[in-house]
């Protein structure tokens, strides 16, 4: 049995996060999606949580950008 895809969305815009989560839920509600508000939170998530299958990364963010 295949595992549900694990997605990490790194974006500081709350509206974009909501739109993204709605779209993912429409495509496949079994996908697990973790949110990070900046690059630093993303790195912390990557260190703590099991591997993600896909990472969507915004480039322009505070604290630590996507570059």
PDB file of N, CA and C in Angstrom:
ATOM      1  N   UNK A   1       0.836  -1.185   0.000  1.00  0.00           N
ATOM      2  CA  UNK A   1       0.000   0.000   0.000  1.00  0.00           C
ATOM      3  C   UNK A   1       0.880   1.248   0.000  1.00  0.00           C
ATOM      4  N   UNK A   2       0.588   2.178  -0.886  1.00  0.00           N
ATOM      5  CA  UNK A   2       1.357   3.414  -0.961  1.00  0.00           C
ATOM      6  C   UNK A   2       1.018   4.326   0.198  1.00  0.00           C
ATOM      7  N   UNK A   3       2.021   5.063   0.663  1.00  0.00           N
ATOM      8  CA  UNK A   3       1.767   6.036   1.719  1.00  0.00           C
ATOM      9  C   UNK A   3       1.233   7.323   1.102  1.00  0.00           C
ATOM     10  N   UNK A   4       0.509   8.088   1.898  1.00  0.00           N
ATOM     11  CA  UNK A   4       0.018   9.382   1.442  1.00  0.00           C
ATOM     12  C   UNK A   4       1.211  10.304   1.216  1.00  0.00           C
ATOM     13  N   UNK A   5       1.145  11.087   0.178  1.00  0.00           N
ATOM     14  CA  UNK A   5       2.221  12.030  -0.101  1.00  0.00           C
ATOM     15  C   UNK A   5       2.318  13.057   1.017  1.00  0.00           C
ATOM     16  N   UNK A   6       3.539  13.389   1.408  1.00  0.00           N
ATOM     17  CA  UNK A   6       3.796  14.406   2.442  1.00  0.00           C
ATOM     18  C   UNK A   6       4.341  15.647   1.761  1.00  0.00           C
ATOM     19  N   UNK A   7       3.675  16.768   1.984  1.00  0.00           N
ATOM     20  CA  UNK A   7       4.031  18.028   1.347  1.00  0.00           C
ATOM     21  C   UNK A   7       4.428  19.036   2.411  1.00  0.00           C
ATOM     22  N   UNK A   8       5.468  19.809   2.101  1.00  0.00           N
ATOM     23  CA  UNK A   8       5.841  20.945   2.935  1.00  0.00           C
ATOM     24  C   UNK A   8       5.634  22.205   2.109  1.00  0.00           C
ATOM     25  N   UNK A   9       4.766  23.093   2.582  1.00  0.00           N
ATOM     26  CA  UNK A   9       4.552  24.384   1.945  1.00  0.00           C
ATOM     27  C   UNK A   9       5.247  25.444   2.781  1.00  0.00           C
ATOM     28  N   UNK A  10       6.167  26.158   2.160  1.00  0.00           N
ATOM     29  CA  UNK A  10       6.908  27.215   2.845  1.00  0.00           C
ATOM     30  C   UNK A  10       6.485  28.541   2.215  1.00  0.00           C
ATOM     31  N   UNK A  11       5.670  29.295   2.949  1.00  0.00           N
ATOM     32  CA  UNK A  11       5.129  30.555   2.426  1.00  0.00           C
ATOM     33  C   UNK A  11       4.679  31.411   3.599  1.00  0.00           C
ATOM     34  N   UNK A  12       5.012  32.693   3.562  1.00  0.00           N
ATOM     35  CA  UNK A  12       4.647  33.588   4.656  1.00  0.00           C
ATOM     36  C   UNK A  12       3.274  34.222   4.477  1.00  0.00           C
ATOM     37  N   UNK A  13       2.640  34.038   3.340  1.00  0.00           N
ATOM     38  CA  UNK A  13       1.336  34.636   3.057  1.00  0.00           C
ATOM     39  C   UNK A  13       0.222  33.669   3.466  1.00  0.00           C
ATOM     40  N   UNK A  14      -0.538  34.050   4.483  1.00  0.00           N
ATOM     41  CA  UNK A  14      -1.588  33.169   5.025  1.00  0.00           C
ATOM     42  C   UNK A  14      -2.657  32.881   3.978  1.00  0.00           C
ATOM     43  N   UNK A  15      -3.021  33.871   3.170  1.00  0.00           N
ATOM     44  CA  UNK A  15      -4.019  33.641   2.124  1.00  0.00           C
ATOM     45  C   UNK A  15      -3.537  32.594   1.128  1.00  0.00           C
ATOM     46  N   UNK A  16      -2.272  32.681   0.728  1.00  0.00           N
ATOM     47  CA  UNK A  16      -1.709  31.688  -0.188  1.00  0.00           C
ATOM     48  C   UNK A  16      -1.713  30.295   0.440  1.00  0.00           C
ATOM     49  N   UNK A  17      -1.436  30.215   1.736  1.00  0.00           N
ATOM     50  CA  UNK A  17      -1.467  28.926   2.430  1.00  0.00           C
ATOM     51  C   UNK A  17      -2.871  28.317   2.369  1.00  0.00           C
ATOM     52  N   UNK A  18      -3.882  29.147   2.614  1.00  0.00           N
ATOM     53  CA  UNK A  18      -5.275  28.667   2.593  1.00  0.00           C
ATOM     54  C   UNK A  18      -5.655  28.174   1.200  1.00  0.00           C
ATOM     55  N   UNK A  19      -5.317  28.959   0.160  1.00  0.00           N
ATOM     56  CA  UNK A  19      -5.625  28.547  -1.214  1.00  0.00           C
ATOM     57  C   UNK A  19      -4.922  27.235  -1.559  1.00  0.00           C
ATOM     58  N   UNK A  20      -3.674  27.120  -1.161  1.00  0.00           N
ATOM     59  CA  UNK A  20      -2.892  25.915  -1.437  1.00  0.00           C
ATOM     60  C   UNK A  20      -3.525  24.703  -0.754  1.00  0.00           C
ATOM     61  N   UNK A  21      -3.851  24.848   0.532  1.00  0.00           N
ATOM     62  CA  UNK A  21      -4.453  23.732   1.270  1.00  0.00           C
ATOM     63  C   UNK A  21      -5.799  23.322   0.672  1.00  0.00           C
ATOM     64  N   UNK A  22      -6.598  24.300   0.260  1.00  0.00           N
ATOM     65  CA  UNK A  22      -7.880  23.993  -0.392  1.00  0.00           C
ATOM     66  C   UNK A  22      -7.665  23.210  -1.680  1.00  0.00           C
ATOM     67  N   UNK A  23      -6.679  23.636  -2.477  1.00  0.00           N
ATOM     68  CA  UNK A  23      -6.402  22.951  -3.744  1.00  0.00           C
ATOM     69  C   UNK A  23      -5.920  21.525  -3.504  1.00  0.00           C
ATOM     70  N   UNK A  24      -5.014  21.356  -2.552  1.00  0.00           N
ATOM     71  CA  UNK A  24      -4.506  20.014  -2.239  1.00  0.00           C
ATOM     72  C   UNK A  24      -5.637  19.120  -1.749  1.00  0.00           C
ATOM     73  N   UNK A  25      -6.502  19.658  -0.913  1.00  0.00           N
ATOM     74  CA  UNK A  25      -7.631  18.875  -0.388  1.00  0.00           C
ATOM     75  C   UNK A  25      -8.577  18.445  -1.508  1.00  0.00           C
ATOM     76  N   UNK A  26      -8.754  19.290  -2.517  1.00  0.00           N
ATOM     77  CA  UNK A  26      -9.595  18.921  -3.661  1.00  0.00           C
ATOM     78  C   UNK A  26      -8.945  17.832  -4.496  1.00  0.00           C
ATOM     79  N   UNK A  27      -7.630  17.928  -4.671  1.00  0.00           N
ATOM     80  CA  UNK A  27      -6.905  16.950  -5.491  1.00  0.00           C
ATOM     81  C   UNK A  27      -6.869  15.590  -4.814  1.00  0.00           C
ATOM     82  N   UNK A  28      -6.454  15.586  -3.534  1.00  0.00           N
ATOM     83  CA  UNK A  28      -6.337  14.323  -2.814  1.00  0.00           C
ATOM     84  C   UNK A  28      -6.361  14.603  -1.307  1.00  0.00           C
ATOM     85  N   UNK A  29      -7.513  14.403  -0.670  1.00  0.00           N
ATOM     86  CA  UNK A  29      -7.639  14.707   0.755  1.00  0.00           C
ATOM     87  C   UNK A  29      -6.718  13.882   1.657  1.00  0.00           C
ATOM     88  N   UNK A  30      -6.158  12.795   1.159  1.00  0.00           N
ATOM     89  CA  UNK A  30      -5.295  11.969   2.004  1.00  0.00           C
ATOM     90  C   UNK A  30      -3.864  12.509   2.090  1.00  0.00           C
ATOM     91  N   UNK A  31      -3.537  13.516   1.276  1.00  0.00           N
ATOM     92  CA  UNK A  31      -2.187  14.090   1.332  1.00  0.00           C
ATOM     93  C   UNK A  31      -2.005  14.846   2.643  1.00  0.00           C
ATOM     94  N   UNK A  32      -0.830  14.691   3.219  1.00  0.00           N
ATOM     95  CA  UNK A  32      -0.492  15.391   4.456  1.00  0.00           C
ATOM     96  C   UNK A  32       0.300  16.641   4.089  1.00  0.00           C
ATOM     97  N   UNK A  33      -0.131  17.795   4.584  1.00  0.00           N
ATOM     98  CA  UNK A  33       0.537  19.040   4.247  1.00  0.00           C
ATOM     99  C   UNK A  33       0.953  19.776   5.512  1.00  0.00           C
ATOM    100  N   UNK A  34       2.241  20.025   5.639  1.00  0.00           N
ATOM    101  CA  UNK A  34       2.811  20.774   6.761  1.00  0.00           C
ATOM    102  C   UNK A  34       3.124  22.178   6.264  1.00  0.00           C
ATOM    103  N   UNK A  35       2.867  23.177   7.112  1.00  0.00           N
ATOM    104  CA  UNK A  35       3.133  24.571   6.751  1.00  0.00           C
ATOM    105  C   UNK A  35       4.333  25.105   7.510  1.00  0.00           C
ATOM    106  N   UNK A  36       5.110  25.933   6.826  1.00  0.00           N
ATOM    107  CA  UNK A  36       6.199  26.684   7.454  1.00  0.00           C
ATOM    108  C   UNK A  36       6.088  28.116   6.944  1.00  0.00           C
ATOM    109  N   UNK A  37       6.288  29.088   7.824  1.00  0.00           N
ATOM    110  CA  UNK A  37       6.113  30.495   7.465  1.00  0.00           C
ATOM    111  C   UNK A  37       7.365  31.163   6.920  1.00  0.00           C
ATOM    112  N   UNK A  38       8.501  30.487   6.991  1.00  0.00           N
ATOM    113  CA  UNK A  38       9.753  31.030   6.450  1.00  0.00           C
ATOM    114  C   UNK A  38      10.765  29.892   6.319  1.00  0.00           C
ATOM    115  N   UNK A  39      11.910  30.219   5.759  1.00  0.00           N
ATOM    116  CA  UNK A  39      12.931  29.201   5.529  1.00  0.00           C
ATOM    117  C   UNK A  39      13.458  28.562   6.797  1.00  0.00           C
ATOM    118  N   UNK A  40      13.550  29.340   7.871  1.00  0.00           N
ATOM    119  CA  UNK A  40      14.044  28.797   9.134  1.00  0.00           C
ATOM    120  C   UNK A  40      13.082  27.742   9.686  1.00  0.00           C
ATOM    121  N   UNK A  41      11.789  28.034   9.665  1.00  0.00           N
ATOM    122  CA  UNK A  41      10.798  27.041  10.103  1.00  0.00           C
ATOM    123  C   UNK A  41      10.849  25.801   9.218  1.00  0.00           C
ATOM    124  N   UNK A  42      11.071  25.999   7.927  1.00  0.00           N
ATOM    125  CA  UNK A  42      11.158  24.864   7.002  1.00  0.00           C
ATOM    126  C   UNK A  42      12.332  23.960   7.363  1.00  0.00           C
ATOM    127  N   UNK A  43      13.483  24.558   7.626  1.00  0.00           N
ATOM    128  CA  UNK A  43      14.654  23.754   8.003  1.00  0.00           C
ATOM    129  C   UNK A  43      14.415  22.992   9.301  1.00  0.00           C
ATOM    130  N   UNK A  44      13.743  23.624  10.254  1.00  0.00           N
ATOM    131  CA  UNK A  44      13.429  22.945  11.508  1.00  0.00           C
ATOM    132  C   UNK A  44      12.495  21.766  11.265  1.00  0.00           C
ATOM    133  N   UNK A  45      11.502  21.947  10.378  1.00  0.00           N
ATOM    134  CA  UNK A  45      10.569  20.862  10.054  1.00  0.00           C
ATOM    135  C   UNK A  45      11.282  19.705   9.383  1.00  0.00           C
ATOM    136  N   UNK A  46      12.205  20.026   8.496  1.00  0.00           N
ATOM    137  CA  UNK A  46      12.941  18.985   7.777  1.00  0.00           C
ATOM    138  C   UNK A  46      13.804  18.168   8.737  1.00  0.00           C
ATOM    139  N   UNK A  47      14.359  18.815   9.757  1.00  0.00           N
ATOM    140  CA  UNK A  47      15.200  18.118  10.730  1.00  0.00           C
ATOM    141  C   UNK A  47      14.385  17.210  11.650  1.00  0.00           C
ATOM    142  N   UNK A  48      13.179  17.630  12.003  1.00  0.00           N
ATOM    143  CA  UNK A  48      12.378  16.935  13.009  1.00  0.00           C
ATOM    144  C   UNK A  48      11.480  15.853  12.405  1.00  0.00           C
ATOM    145  N   UNK A  49      10.816  16.187  11.312  1.00  0.00           N
ATOM    146  CA  UNK A  49       9.792  15.302  10.756  1.00  0.00           C
ATOM    147  C   UNK A  49      10.375  14.335   9.736  1.00  0.00           C
ATOM    148  N   UNK A  50       9.649  13.258   9.461  1.00  0.00           N
ATOM    149  CA  UNK A  50      10.077  12.345   8.398  1.00  0.00           C
ATOM    150  C   UNK A  50      10.128  13.079   7.052  1.00  0.00           C
ATOM    151  N   UNK A  51      10.784  12.493   6.096  1.00  0.00           N
ATOM    152  CA  UNK A  51      11.007  13.128   4.798  1.00  0.00           C
ATOM    153  C   UNK A  51       9.705  13.551   4.119  1.00  0.00           C
ATOM    154  N   UNK A  52       9.803  14.669   3.405  1.00  0.00           N
ATOM    155  CA  UNK A  52       8.691  15.140   2.594  1.00  0.00           C
ATOM    156  C   UNK A  52       8.878  14.652   1.169  1.00  0.00           C
ATOM    157  N   UNK A  53       7.766  14.387   0.498  1.00  0.00           N
ATOM    158  CA  UNK A  53       7.827  13.968  -0.905  1.00  0.00           C
ATOM    159  C   UNK A  53       7.988  15.175  -1.825  1.00  0.00           C
ATOM    160  N   UNK A  54       7.372  16.286  -1.422  1.00  0.00           N
ATOM    161  CA  UNK A  54       7.374  17.502  -2.240  1.00  0.00           C
ATOM    162  C   UNK A  54       7.521  18.709  -1.319  1.00  0.00           C
ATOM    163  N   UNK A  55       8.316  19.689  -1.752  1.00  0.00           N
ATOM    164  CA  UNK A  55       8.428  20.957  -1.018  1.00  0.00           C
ATOM    165  C   UNK A  55       8.102  22.086  -1.985  1.00  0.00           C
ATOM    166  N   UNK A  56       7.099  22.893  -1.630  1.00  0.00           N
ATOM    167  CA  UNK A  56       6.766  24.104  -2.374  1.00  0.00           C
ATOM    168  C   UNK A  56       7.344  25.261  -1.579  1.00  0.00           C
ATOM    169  N   UNK A  57       8.192  26.052  -2.223  1.00  0.00           N
ATOM    170  CA  UNK A  57       8.982  27.047  -1.509  1.00  0.00           C
ATOM    171  C   UNK A  57       8.815  28.429  -2.131  1.00  0.00           C
ATOM    172  N   UNK A  58       8.315  29.369  -1.334  1.00  0.00           N
ATOM    173  CA  UNK A  58       8.253  30.773  -1.730  1.00  0.00           C
ATOM    174  C   UNK A  58       9.668  31.338  -1.641  1.00  0.00           C
ATOM    175  N   UNK A  59       9.994  32.271  -2.504  1.00  0.00           N
ATOM    176  CA  UNK A  59      11.349  32.828  -2.486  1.00  0.00           C
ATOM    177  C   UNK A  59      11.466  34.070  -1.619  1.00  0.00           C
ATOM    178  N   UNK A  60      10.439  34.905  -1.588  1.00  0.00           N
ATOM    179  CA  UNK A  60      10.499  36.172  -0.850  1.00  0.00           C
ATOM    180  C   UNK A  60       9.771  36.040   0.475  1.00  0.00           C
ATOM    181  N   UNK A  61      10.538  35.806   1.555  1.00  0.00           N
ATOM    182  CA  UNK A  61       9.964  35.638   2.887  1.00  0.00           C
ATOM    183  C   UNK A  61      10.852  36.335   3.908  1.00  0.00           C
ATOM    184  N   UNK A  62      10.275  36.677   5.065  1.00  0.00           N
ATOM    185  CA  UNK A  62      11.080  37.267   6.135  1.00  0.00           C
ATOM    186  C   UNK A  62      11.901  36.195   6.861  1.00  0.00           C
ATOM    187  N   UNK A  63      12.786  36.620   7.688  1.00  0.00           N
ATOM    188  CA  UNK A  63      13.654  35.781   8.530  1.00  0.00           C
ATOM    189  C   UNK A  63      14.658  34.992   7.695  1.00  0.00           C
ATOM    190  N   UNK A  64      14.192  34.085   6.861  1.00  0.00           N
ATOM    191  CA  UNK A  64      15.061  33.359   5.934  1.00  0.00           C
ATOM    192  C   UNK A  64      14.263  33.123   4.658  1.00  0.00           C
ATOM    193  N   UNK A  65      14.751  33.638   3.550  1.00  0.00           N
ATOM    194  CA  UNK A  65      14.007  33.511   2.291  1.00  0.00           C
ATOM    195  C   UNK A  65      14.223  32.147   1.654  1.00  0.00           C
ATOM    196  N   UNK A  66      13.607  31.950   0.499  1.00  0.00           N
ATOM    197  CA  UNK A  66      13.681  30.669  -0.170  1.00  0.00           C
ATOM    198  C   UNK A  66      14.936  30.439  -0.987  1.00  0.00           C
ATOM    199  N   UNK A  67      15.779  31.459  -1.097  1.00  0.00           N
ATOM    200  CA  UNK A  67      17.022  31.276  -1.847  1.00  0.00           C
ATOM    201  C   UNK A  67      18.025  30.501  -1.015  1.00  0.00           C
TER     202      UNK A  67
END
